[in-house]
Amino acid sequence: MPLYAITMLAAGIGIPVLAAMNAALGRSLGAPMLAGVVLIAVGLLTASLVAITQGPSALVKLATAPKHLFFAGVLLAFYVLSITAIAPKFGVGNAIFFV
């Protein structure tokens, strides 16, 4: 149980760090949406590598999973793209506060 708490604390700390880093990448590239795409692509690669280590059993069940649950990916993209575009203009602290 303490490992869960520590993991979630680290995830919570990571949210404003993620927002600040991706906003900076968006400014550096001059294209916040591209920074969001890069963030999601790196996240996909990382999550895929972790999933591969878990074995193929879940992949088999993917075709039968309820399709409406895939909408979570749309919500993730909305969060990443909106925070990346808005944080540089609104401030990372303000953006995270309103989230």
PDB file of N, CA and C in Angstrom:
ATOM      1  N   MET A   1       0.809  -1.205   0.000  1.00  0.00           N
ATOM      2  CA  MET A   1       0.000   0.000   0.000  1.00  0.00           C
ATOM      3  C   MET A   1       0.853   1.270   0.000  1.00  0.00           C
ATOM      4  N   PRO A   2       1.923   1.365   0.788  1.00  0.00           N
ATOM      5  CA  PRO A   2       2.756   2.583   0.727  1.00  0.00           C
ATOM      6  C   PRO A   2       3.364   2.803  -0.663  1.00  0.00           C
ATOM      7  N   LEU A   3       3.659   1.719  -1.380  1.00  0.00           N
ATOM      8  CA  LEU A   3       4.216   1.871  -2.732  1.00  0.00           C
ATOM      9  C   LEU A   3       3.198   2.545  -3.652  1.00  0.00           C
ATOM     10  N   TYR A   4       1.914   2.221  -3.485  1.00  0.00           N
ATOM     11  CA  TYR A   4       0.880   2.871  -4.283  1.00  0.00           C
ATOM     12  C   TYR A   4       0.858   4.376  -4.007  1.00  0.00           C
ATOM     13  N   ALA A   5       0.909   4.725  -2.741  1.00  0.00           N
ATOM     14  CA  ALA A   5       0.865   6.140  -2.358  1.00  0.00           C
ATOM     15  C   ALA A   5       2.076   6.890  -2.912  1.00  0.00           C
ATOM     16  N   ILE A   6       3.237   6.304  -2.798  1.00  0.00           N
ATOM     17  CA  ILE A   6       4.458   6.941  -3.300  1.00  0.00           C
ATOM     18  C   ILE A   6       4.399   7.083  -4.819  1.00  0.00           C
ATOM     19  N   THR A   7       3.911   6.048  -5.487  1.00  0.00           N
ATOM     20  CA  THR A   7       3.795   6.099  -6.945  1.00  0.00           C
ATOM     21  C   THR A   7       2.838   7.209  -7.371  1.00  0.00           C
ATOM     22  N   MET A   8       1.690   7.309  -6.712  1.00  0.00           N
ATOM     23  CA  MET A   8       0.720   8.338  -7.081  1.00  0.00           C
ATOM     24  C   MET A   8       1.208   9.735  -6.711  1.00  0.00           C
ATOM     25  N   LEU A   9       1.963   9.856  -5.632  1.00  0.00           N
ATOM     26  CA  LEU A   9       2.561  11.145  -5.287  1.00  0.00           C
ATOM     27  C   LEU A   9       3.526  11.576  -6.388  1.00  0.00           C
ATOM     28  N   ALA A  10       4.344  10.641  -6.847  1.00  0.00           N
ATOM     29  CA  ALA A  10       5.282  10.949  -7.931  1.00  0.00           C
ATOM     30  C   ALA A  10       4.532  11.336  -9.211  1.00  0.00           C
ATOM     31  N   ALA A  11       3.429  10.645  -9.487  1.00  0.00           N
ATOM     32  CA  ALA A  11       2.622  10.977 -10.666  1.00  0.00           C
ATOM     33  C   ALA A  11       2.045  12.385 -10.530  1.00  0.00           C
ATOM     34  N   GLY A  12       1.578  12.729  -9.341  1.00  0.00           N
ATOM     35  CA  GLY A  12       1.030  14.060  -9.106  1.00  0.00           C
ATOM     36  C   GLY A  12       2.074  15.147  -9.249  1.00  0.00           C
ATOM     37  N   ILE A  13       3.269  14.874  -8.774  1.00  0.00           N
ATOM     38  CA  ILE A  13       4.368  15.832  -8.935  1.00  0.00           C
ATOM     39  C   ILE A  13       4.721  15.968 -10.407  1.00  0.00           C
ATOM     40  N   GLY A  14       4.597  14.878 -11.141  1.00  0.00           N
ATOM     41  CA  GLY A  14       4.946  14.881 -12.557  1.00  0.00           C
ATOM     42  C   GLY A  14       4.031  15.726 -13.422  1.00  0.00           C
ATOM     43  N   ILE A  15       2.773  15.932 -12.989  1.00  0.00           N
ATOM     44  CA  ILE A  15       1.823  16.677 -13.825  1.00  0.00           C
ATOM     45  C   ILE A  15       2.289  18.110 -14.101  1.00  0.00           C
ATOM     46  N   PRO A  16       2.623  18.912 -13.089  1.00  0.00           N
ATOM     47  CA  PRO A  16       3.090  20.266 -13.419  1.00  0.00           C
ATOM     48  C   PRO A  16       4.448  20.267 -14.120  1.00  0.00           C
ATOM     49  N   VAL A  17       5.290  19.285 -13.812  1.00  0.00           N
ATOM     50  CA  VAL A  17       6.582  19.194 -14.498  1.00  0.00           C
ATOM     51  C   VAL A  17       6.347  18.905 -15.973  1.00  0.00           C
ATOM     52  N   LEU A  18       5.445  17.956 -16.255  1.00  0.00           N
ATOM     53  CA  LEU A  18       5.085  17.626 -17.636  1.00  0.00           C
ATOM     54  C   LEU A  18       4.561  18.866 -18.350  1.00  0.00           C
ATOM     55  N   ALA A  19       3.663  19.591 -17.709  1.00  0.00           N
ATOM     56  CA  ALA A  19       3.073  20.786 -18.328  1.00  0.00           C
ATOM     57  C   ALA A  19       4.141  21.824 -18.644  1.00  0.00           C
ATOM     58  N   ALA A  20       5.023  22.065 -17.700  1.00  0.00           N
ATOM     59  CA  ALA A  20       6.069  23.075 -17.907  1.00  0.00           C
ATOM     60  C   ALA A  20       7.035  22.655 -19.012  1.00  0.00           C
ATOM     61  N   MET A  21       7.439  21.388 -18.992  1.00  0.00           N
ATOM     62  CA  MET A  21       8.394  20.916 -19.999  1.00  0.00           C
ATOM     63  C   MET A  21       7.775  20.924 -21.396  1.00  0.00           C
ATOM     64  N   ASN A  22       6.529  20.479 -21.498  1.00  0.00           N
ATOM     65  CA  ASN A  22       5.911  20.432 -22.818  1.00  0.00           C
ATOM     66  C   ASN A  22       5.579  21.833 -23.329  1.00  0.00           C
ATOM     67  N   ALA A  23       5.201  22.731 -22.425  1.00  0.00           N
ATOM     68  CA  ALA A  23       4.977  24.119 -22.834  1.00  0.00           C
ATOM     69  C   ALA A  23       6.281  24.726 -23.357  1.00  0.00           C
ATOM     70  N   ALA A  24       7.385  24.431 -22.671  1.00  0.00           N
ATOM     71  CA  ALA A  24       8.688  24.931 -23.127  1.00  0.00           C
ATOM     72  C   ALA A  24       9.066  24.327 -24.479  1.00  0.00           C
ATOM     73  N   LEU A  25       8.770  23.050 -24.669  1.00  0.00           N
ATOM     74  CA  LEU A  25       9.049  22.424 -25.964  1.00  0.00           C
ATOM     75  C   LEU A  25       8.206  23.086 -27.052  1.00  0.00           C
ATOM     76  N   GLY A  26       6.951  23.351 -26.742  1.00  0.00           N
ATOM     77  CA  GLY A  26       6.079  24.024 -27.712  1.00  0.00           C
ATOM     78  C   GLY A  26       6.605  25.399 -28.098  1.00  0.00           C
ATOM     79  N   ARG A  27       7.102  26.147 -27.106  1.00  0.00           N
ATOM     80  CA  ARG A  27       7.698  27.468 -27.393  1.00  0.00           C
ATOM     81  C   ARG A  27       8.958  27.305 -28.232  1.00  0.00           C
ATOM     82  N   SER A  28       9.777  26.332 -27.865  1.00  0.00           N
ATOM     83  CA  SER A  28      11.038  26.104 -28.581  1.00  0.00           C
ATOM     84  C   SER A  28      10.792  25.734 -30.045  1.00  0.00           C
ATOM     85  N   LEU A  29       9.771  24.915 -30.274  1.00  0.00           N
ATOM     86  CA  LEU A  29       9.449  24.502 -31.638  1.00  0.00           C
ATOM     87  C   LEU A  29       8.630  25.545 -32.386  1.00  0.00           C
ATOM     88  N   GLY A  30       7.991  26.446 -31.614  1.00  0.00           N
ATOM     89  CA  GLY A  30       7.077  27.397 -32.227  1.00  0.00           C
ATOM     90  C   GLY A  30       5.778  26.736 -32.664  1.00  0.00           C
ATOM     91  N   ALA A  31       5.508  25.559 -32.091  1.00  0.00           N
ATOM     92  CA  ALA A  31       4.322  24.792 -32.488  1.00  0.00           C
ATOM     93  C   ALA A  31       3.847  23.952 -31.300  1.00  0.00           C
ATOM     94  N   PRO A  32       2.979  24.510 -30.454  1.00  0.00           N
ATOM     95  CA  PRO A  32       2.522  23.774 -29.277  1.00  0.00           C
ATOM     96  C   PRO A  32       1.850  22.438 -29.607  1.00  0.00           C
ATOM     97  N   MET A  33       1.102  22.382 -30.699  1.00  0.00           N
ATOM     98  CA  MET A  33       0.428  21.126 -31.040  1.00  0.00           C
ATOM     99  C   MET A  33       1.443  20.045 -31.404  1.00  0.00           C
ATOM    100  N   LEU A  34       2.526  20.429 -32.069  1.00  0.00           N
ATOM    101  CA  LEU A  34       3.570  19.458 -32.386  1.00  0.00           C
ATOM    102  C   LEU A  34       4.212  18.941 -31.106  1.00  0.00           C
ATOM    103  N   ALA A  35       4.413  19.827 -30.140  1.00  0.00           N
ATOM    104  CA  ALA A  35       4.967  19.396 -28.850  1.00  0.00           C
ATOM    105  C   ALA A  35       4.031  18.384 -28.195  1.00  0.00           C
ATOM    106  N   GLY A  36       2.726  18.612 -28.297  1.00  0.00           N
ATOM    107  CA  GLY A  36       1.765  17.657 -27.762  1.00  0.00           C
ATOM    108  C   GLY A  36       1.855  16.314 -28.459  1.00  0.00           C
ATOM    109  N   VAL A  37       2.016  16.329 -29.761  1.00  0.00           N
ATOM    110  CA  VAL A  37       2.155  15.087 -30.529  1.00  0.00           C
ATOM    111  C   VAL A  37       3.426  14.346 -30.110  1.00  0.00           C
ATOM    112  N   VAL A  38       4.506  15.090 -29.944  1.00  0.00           N
ATOM    113  CA  VAL A  38       5.771  14.482 -29.515  1.00  0.00           C
ATOM    114  C   VAL A  38       5.596  13.845 -28.135  1.00  0.00           C
ATOM    115  N   LEU A  39       4.950  14.560 -27.222  1.00  0.00           N
ATOM    116  CA  LEU A  39       4.718  14.036 -25.877  1.00  0.00           C
ATOM    117  C   LEU A  39       3.917  12.734 -25.932  1.00  0.00           C
ATOM    118  N   ILE A  40       2.844  12.728 -26.708  1.00  0.00           N
ATOM    119  CA  ILE A  40       2.008  11.532 -26.803  1.00  0.00           C
ATOM    120  C   ILE A  40       2.774  10.389 -27.465  1.00  0.00           C
ATOM    121  N   ALA A  41       3.580  10.695 -28.484  1.00  0.00           N
ATOM    122  CA  ALA A  41       4.359   9.652 -29.166  1.00  0.00           C
ATOM    123  C   ALA A  41       5.393   9.025 -28.221  1.00  0.00           C
ATOM    124  N   VAL A  42       6.078   9.856 -27.454  1.00  0.00           N
ATOM    125  CA  VAL A  42       7.060   9.325 -26.490  1.00  0.00           C
ATOM    126  C   VAL A  42       6.337   8.524 -25.412  1.00  0.00           C
ATOM    127  N   GLY A  43       5.172   9.015 -24.982  1.00  0.00           N
ATOM    128  CA  GLY A  43       4.377   8.276 -24.006  1.00  0.00           C
ATOM    129  C   GLY A  43       3.914   6.937 -24.556  1.00  0.00           C
ATOM    130  N   LEU A  44       3.491   6.918 -25.821  1.00  0.00           N
ATOM    131  CA  LEU A  44       3.066   5.666 -26.456  1.00  0.00           C
ATOM    132  C   LEU A  44       4.220   4.673 -26.511  1.00  0.00           C
ATOM    133  N   LEU A  45       5.391   5.145 -26.892  1.00  0.00           N
ATOM    134  CA  LEU A  45       6.561   4.272 -26.954  1.00  0.00           C
ATOM    135  C   LEU A  45       6.892   3.714 -25.572  1.00  0.00           C
ATOM    136  N   THR A  46       6.884   4.564 -24.572  1.00  0.00           N
ATOM    137  CA  THR A  46       7.195   4.139 -23.210  1.00  0.00           C
ATOM    138  C   THR A  46       6.168   3.137 -22.692  1.00  0.00           C
ATOM    139  N   ALA A  47       4.890   3.459 -22.866  1.00  0.00           N
ATOM    140  CA  ALA A  47       3.830   2.560 -22.401  1.00  0.00           C
ATOM    141  C   ALA A  47       3.876   1.231 -23.160  1.00  0.00           C
ATOM    142  N   SER A  48       4.194   1.280 -24.445  1.00  0.00           N
ATOM    143  CA  SER A  48       4.300   0.050 -25.234  1.00  0.00           C
ATOM    144  C   SER A  48       5.420  -0.847 -24.727  1.00  0.00           C
ATOM    145  N   LEU A  49       6.555  -0.236 -24.404  1.00  0.00           N
ATOM    146  CA  LEU A  49       7.676  -1.027 -23.881  1.00  0.00           C
ATOM    147  C   LEU A  49       7.312  -1.676 -22.550  1.00  0.00           C
ATOM    148  N   VAL A  50       6.619  -0.941 -21.696  1.00  0.00           N
ATOM    149  CA  VAL A  50       6.189  -1.508 -20.415  1.00  0.00           C
ATOM    150  C   VAL A  50       5.171  -2.619 -20.654  1.00  0.00           C
ATOM    151  N   ALA A  51       4.219  -2.398 -21.567  1.00  0.00           N
ATOM    152  CA  ALA A  51       3.192  -3.401 -21.851  1.00  0.00           C
ATOM    153  C   ALA A  51       3.805  -4.679 -22.410  1.00  0.00           C
ATOM    154  N   ILE A  52       4.824  -4.547 -23.224  1.00  0.00           N
ATOM    155  CA  ILE A  52       5.488  -5.724 -23.795  1.00  0.00           C
ATOM    156  C   ILE A  52       6.076  -6.594 -22.691  1.00  0.00           C
ATOM    157  N   THR A  53       6.588  -5.968 -21.653  1.00  0.00           N
ATOM    158  CA  THR A  53       7.170  -6.746 -20.554  1.00  0.00           C
ATOM    159  C   THR A  53       6.109  -7.474 -19.739  1.00  0.00           C
ATOM    160  N   GLN A  54       4.839  -7.071 -19.876  1.00  0.00           N
ATOM    161  CA  GLN A  54       3.748  -7.698 -19.126  1.00  0.00           C
ATOM    162  C   GLN A  54       3.220  -8.945 -19.817  1.00  0.00           C
ATOM    163  N   GLY A  55       3.606  -9.191 -21.044  1.00  0.00           N
ATOM    164  CA  GLY A  55       3.153 -10.373 -21.770  1.00  0.00           C
ATOM    165  C   GLY A  55       2.013 -10.055 -22.712  1.00  0.00           C
ATOM    166  N   PRO A  56       1.744 -10.964 -23.652  1.00  0.00           N
ATOM    167  CA  PRO A  56       0.760 -10.713 -24.716  1.00  0.00           C
ATOM    168  C   PRO A  56      -0.692 -11.007 -24.339  1.00  0.00           C
ATOM    169  N   SER A  57      -0.968 -11.483 -23.140  1.00  0.00           N
ATOM    170  CA  SER A  57      -2.327 -11.921 -22.809  1.00  0.00           C
ATOM    171  C   SER A  57      -3.356 -10.798 -22.902  1.00  0.00           C
ATOM    172  N   ALA A  58      -3.021  -9.597 -22.505  1.00  0.00           N
ATOM    173  CA  ALA A  58      -3.962  -8.478 -22.574  1.00  0.00           C
ATOM    174  C   ALA A  58      -4.212  -8.057 -24.020  1.00  0.00           C
ATOM    175  N   LEU A  59      -3.220  -8.177 -24.859  1.00  0.00           N
ATOM    176  CA  LEU A  59      -3.359  -7.791 -26.262  1.00  0.00           C
ATOM    177  C   LEU A  59      -4.439  -8.613 -26.944  1.00  0.00           C
ATOM    178  N   VAL A  60      -4.553  -9.865 -26.569  1.00  0.00           N
ATOM    179  CA  VAL A  60      -5.568 -10.749 -27.139  1.00  0.00           C
ATOM    180  C   VAL A  60      -6.968 -10.234 -26.802  1.00  0.00           C
ATOM    181  N   LYS A  61      -7.145  -9.648 -25.628  1.00  0.00           N
ATOM    182  CA  LYS A  61      -8.450  -9.166 -25.178  1.00  0.00           C
ATOM    183  C   LYS A  61      -8.812  -7.795 -25.763  1.00  0.00           C
ATOM    184  N   LEU A  62      -7.881  -7.151 -26.426  1.00  0.00           N
ATOM    185  CA  LEU A  62      -8.103  -5.803 -26.937  1.00  0.00           C
ATOM    186  C   LEU A  62      -9.299  -5.735 -27.889  1.00  0.00           C
ATOM    187  N   ALA A  63      -9.450  -6.713 -28.748  1.00  0.00           N
ATOM    188  CA  ALA A  63     -10.537  -6.708 -29.734  1.00  0.00           C
ATOM    189  C   ALA A  63     -11.909  -6.796 -29.080  1.00  0.00           C
ATOM    190  N   THR A  64     -11.999  -7.365 -27.898  1.00  0.00           N
ATOM    191  CA  THR A  64     -13.304  -7.539 -27.243  1.00  0.00           C
ATOM    192  C   THR A  64     -13.572  -6.486 -26.166  1.00  0.00           C
ATOM    193  N   ALA A  65     -12.650  -5.585 -25.965  1.00  0.00           N
ATOM    194  CA  ALA A  65     -12.844  -4.526 -24.963  1.00  0.00           C
ATOM    195  C   ALA A  65     -13.957  -3.593 -25.417  1.00  0.00           C
ATOM    196  N   PRO A  66     -14.742  -3.052 -24.481  1.00  0.00           N
ATOM    197  CA  PRO A  66     -15.795  -2.109 -24.853  1.00  0.00           C
ATOM    198  C   PRO A  66     -15.204  -0.889 -25.572  1.00  0.00           C
ATOM    199  N   LYS A  67     -15.707  -0.628 -26.760  1.00  0.00           N
ATOM    200  CA  LYS A  67     -15.127   0.424 -27.614  1.00  0.00           C
ATOM    201  C   LYS A  67     -15.258   1.821 -27.014  1.00  0.00           C
ATOM    202  N   HIS A  68     -16.295   2.081 -26.240  1.00  0.00           N
ATOM    203  CA  HIS A  68     -16.459   3.423 -25.667  1.00  0.00           C
ATOM    204  C   HIS A  68     -15.340   3.764 -24.682  1.00  0.00           C
ATOM    205  N   LEU A  69     -14.666   2.753 -24.161  1.00  0.00           N
ATOM    206  CA  LEU A  69     -13.575   3.011 -23.217  1.00  0.00           C
ATOM    207  C   LEU A  69     -12.344   3.602 -23.902  1.00  0.00           C
ATOM    208  N   PHE A  70     -12.252   3.448 -25.208  1.00  0.00           N
ATOM    209  CA  PHE A  70     -11.136   4.031 -25.944  1.00  0.00           C
ATOM    210  C   PHE A  70     -11.229   5.551 -26.006  1.00  0.00           C
ATOM    211  N   PHE A  71     -12.387   6.123 -25.648  1.00  0.00           N
ATOM    212  CA  PHE A  71     -12.560   7.574 -25.615  1.00  0.00           C
ATOM    213  C   PHE A  71     -11.590   8.217 -24.616  1.00  0.00           C
ATOM    214  N   ALA A  72     -11.097   7.431 -23.671  1.00  0.00           N
ATOM    215  CA  ALA A  72     -10.106   7.951 -22.723  1.00  0.00           C
ATOM    216  C   ALA A  72      -8.885   8.496 -23.470  1.00  0.00           C
ATOM    217  N   GLY A  73      -8.539   7.905 -24.594  1.00  0.00           N
ATOM    218  CA  GLY A  73      -7.429   8.409 -25.401  1.00  0.00           C
ATOM    219  C   GLY A  73      -7.704   9.796 -25.948  1.00  0.00           C
ATOM    220  N   VAL A  74      -8.955  10.060 -26.299  1.00  0.00           N
ATOM    221  CA  VAL A  74      -9.343  11.391 -26.765  1.00  0.00           C
ATOM    222  C   VAL A  74      -9.200  12.396 -25.619  1.00  0.00           C
ATOM    223  N   LEU A  75      -9.621  11.977 -24.422  1.00  0.00           N
ATOM    224  CA  LEU A  75      -9.490  12.854 -23.259  1.00  0.00           C
ATOM    225  C   LEU A  75      -8.026  13.143 -22.933  1.00  0.00           C
ATOM    226  N   LEU A  76      -7.171  12.123 -23.055  1.00  0.00           N
ATOM    227  CA  LEU A  76      -5.737  12.332 -22.837  1.00  0.00           C
ATOM    228  C   LEU A  76      -5.188  13.335 -23.838  1.00  0.00           C
ATOM    229  N   ALA A  77      -5.526  13.153 -25.106  1.00  0.00           N
ATOM    230  CA  ALA A  77      -5.046  14.077 -26.142  1.00  0.00           C
ATOM    231  C   ALA A  77      -5.551  15.490 -25.875  1.00  0.00           C
ATOM    232  N   PHE A  78      -6.823  15.619 -25.470  1.00  0.00           N
ATOM    233  CA  PHE A  78      -7.375  16.948 -25.162  1.00  0.00           C
ATOM    234  C   PHE A  78      -6.590  17.599 -24.023  1.00  0.00           C
ATOM    235  N   TYR A  79      -6.316  16.843 -22.973  1.00  0.00           N
ATOM    236  CA  TYR A  79      -5.562  17.396 -21.839  1.00  0.00           C
ATOM    237  C   TYR A  79      -4.164  17.833 -22.284  1.00  0.00           C
ATOM    238  N   VAL A  80      -3.456  16.943 -22.949  1.00  0.00           N
ATOM    239  CA  VAL A  80      -2.076  17.241 -23.341  1.00  0.00           C
ATOM    240  C   VAL A  80      -2.026  18.433 -24.280  1.00  0.00           C
ATOM    241  N   LEU A  81      -2.874  18.446 -25.292  1.00  0.00           N
ATOM    242  CA  LEU A  81      -2.837  19.535 -26.268  1.00  0.00           C
ATOM    243  C   LEU A  81      -3.296  20.854 -25.650  1.00  0.00           C
ATOM    244  N   SER A  82      -4.316  20.807 -24.789  1.00  0.00           N
ATOM    245  CA  SER A  82      -4.784  22.062 -24.196  1.00  0.00           C
ATOM    246  C   SER A  82      -3.777  22.631 -23.207  1.00  0.00           C
ATOM    247  N   ILE A  83      -3.187  21.800 -22.370  1.00  0.00           N
ATOM    248  CA  ILE A  83      -2.222  22.320 -21.396  1.00  0.00           C
ATOM    249  C   ILE A  83      -0.961  22.811 -22.099  1.00  0.00           C
ATOM    250  N   THR A  84      -0.581  22.139 -23.188  1.00  0.00           N
ATOM    251  CA  THR A  84       0.609  22.552 -23.933  1.00  0.00           C
ATOM    252  C   THR A  84       0.383  23.902 -24.607  1.00  0.00           C
ATOM    253  N   ALA A  85      -0.812  24.120 -25.127  1.00  0.00           N
ATOM    254  CA  ALA A  85      -1.099  25.376 -25.824  1.00  0.00           C
ATOM    255  C   ALA A  85      -1.387  26.522 -24.862  1.00  0.00           C
ATOM    256  N   ILE A  86      -2.041  26.221 -23.740  1.00  0.00           N
ATOM    257  CA  ILE A  86      -2.521  27.286 -22.857  1.00  0.00           C
ATOM    258  C   ILE A  86      -1.519  27.663 -21.766  1.00  0.00           C
ATOM    259  N   ALA A  87      -0.756  26.700 -21.255  1.00  0.00           N
ATOM    260  CA  ALA A  87       0.160  26.979 -20.142  1.00  0.00           C
ATOM    261  C   ALA A  87       1.130  28.127 -20.416  1.00  0.00           C
ATOM    262  N   PRO A  88       1.725  28.242 -21.612  1.00  0.00           N
ATOM    263  CA  PRO A  88       2.641  29.360 -21.833  1.00  0.00           C
ATOM    264  C   PRO A  88       1.953  30.731 -21.770  1.00  0.00           C
ATOM    265  N   LYS A  89       0.675  30.773 -22.092  1.00  0.00           N
ATOM    266  CA  LYS A  89      -0.049  32.047 -22.117  1.00  0.00           C
ATOM    267  C   LYS A  89      -0.712  32.355 -20.782  1.00  0.00           C
ATOM    268  N   PHE A  90      -1.153  31.311 -20.086  1.00  0.00           N
ATOM    269  CA  PHE A  90      -1.957  31.439 -18.871  1.00  0.00           C
ATOM    270  C   PHE A  90      -1.112  31.207 -17.618  1.00  0.00           C
ATOM    271  N   GLY A  91       0.063  30.602 -17.802  1.00  0.00           N
ATOM    272  CA  GLY A  91       0.940  30.236 -16.694  1.00  0.00           C
ATOM    273  C   GLY A  91       0.702  28.780 -16.302  1.00  0.00           C
ATOM    274  N   VAL A  92       1.775  28.068 -16.068  1.00  0.00           N
ATOM    275  CA  VAL A  92       1.666  26.654 -15.709  1.00  0.00           C
ATOM    276  C   VAL A  92       0.893  26.499 -14.405  1.00  0.00           C
ATOM    277  N   GLY A  93       1.198  27.335 -13.419  1.00  0.00           N
ATOM    278  CA  GLY A  93       0.504  27.245 -12.134  1.00  0.00           C
ATOM    279  C   GLY A  93      -0.987  27.448 -12.281  1.00  0.00           C
ATOM    280  N   ASN A  94      -1.390  28.456 -13.047  1.00  0.00           N
ATOM    281  CA  ASN A  94      -2.814  28.703 -13.266  1.00  0.00           C
ATOM    282  C   ASN A  94      -3.465  27.532 -14.003  1.00  0.00           C
ATOM    283  N   ALA A  95      -2.786  27.033 -15.038  1.00  0.00           N
ATOM    284  CA  ALA A  95      -3.340  25.928 -15.813  1.00  0.00           C
ATOM    285  C   ALA A  95      -3.541  24.698 -14.923  1.00  0.00           C
ATOM    286  N   ILE A  96      -2.547  24.364 -14.124  1.00  0.00           N
ATOM    287  CA  ILE A  96      -2.637  23.200 -13.225  1.00  0.00           C
ATOM    288  C   ILE A  96      -3.708  23.440 -12.164  1.00  0.00           C
ATOM    289  N   PHE A  97      -3.803  24.640 -11.641  1.00  0.00           N
ATOM    290  CA  PHE A  97      -4.817  24.954 -10.656  1.00  0.00           C
ATOM    291  C   PHE A  97      -6.211  24.672 -11.197  1.00  0.00           C
ATOM    292  N   PHE A  98      -6.474  25.142 -12.408  1.00  0.00           N
ATOM    293  CA  PHE A  98      -7.798  24.943 -12.977  1.00  0.00           C
ATOM    294  C   PHE A  98      -8.065  23.493 -13.376  1.00  0.00           C
ATOM    295  N   VAL A  99      -7.016  22.760 -13.674  1.00  0.00           N
ATOM    296  CA  VAL A  99      -7.187  21.322 -13.919  1.00  0.00           C
ATOM    297  C   VAL A  99      -7.596  20.661 -12.616  1.00  0.00           C
TER     298      VAL A  99
END
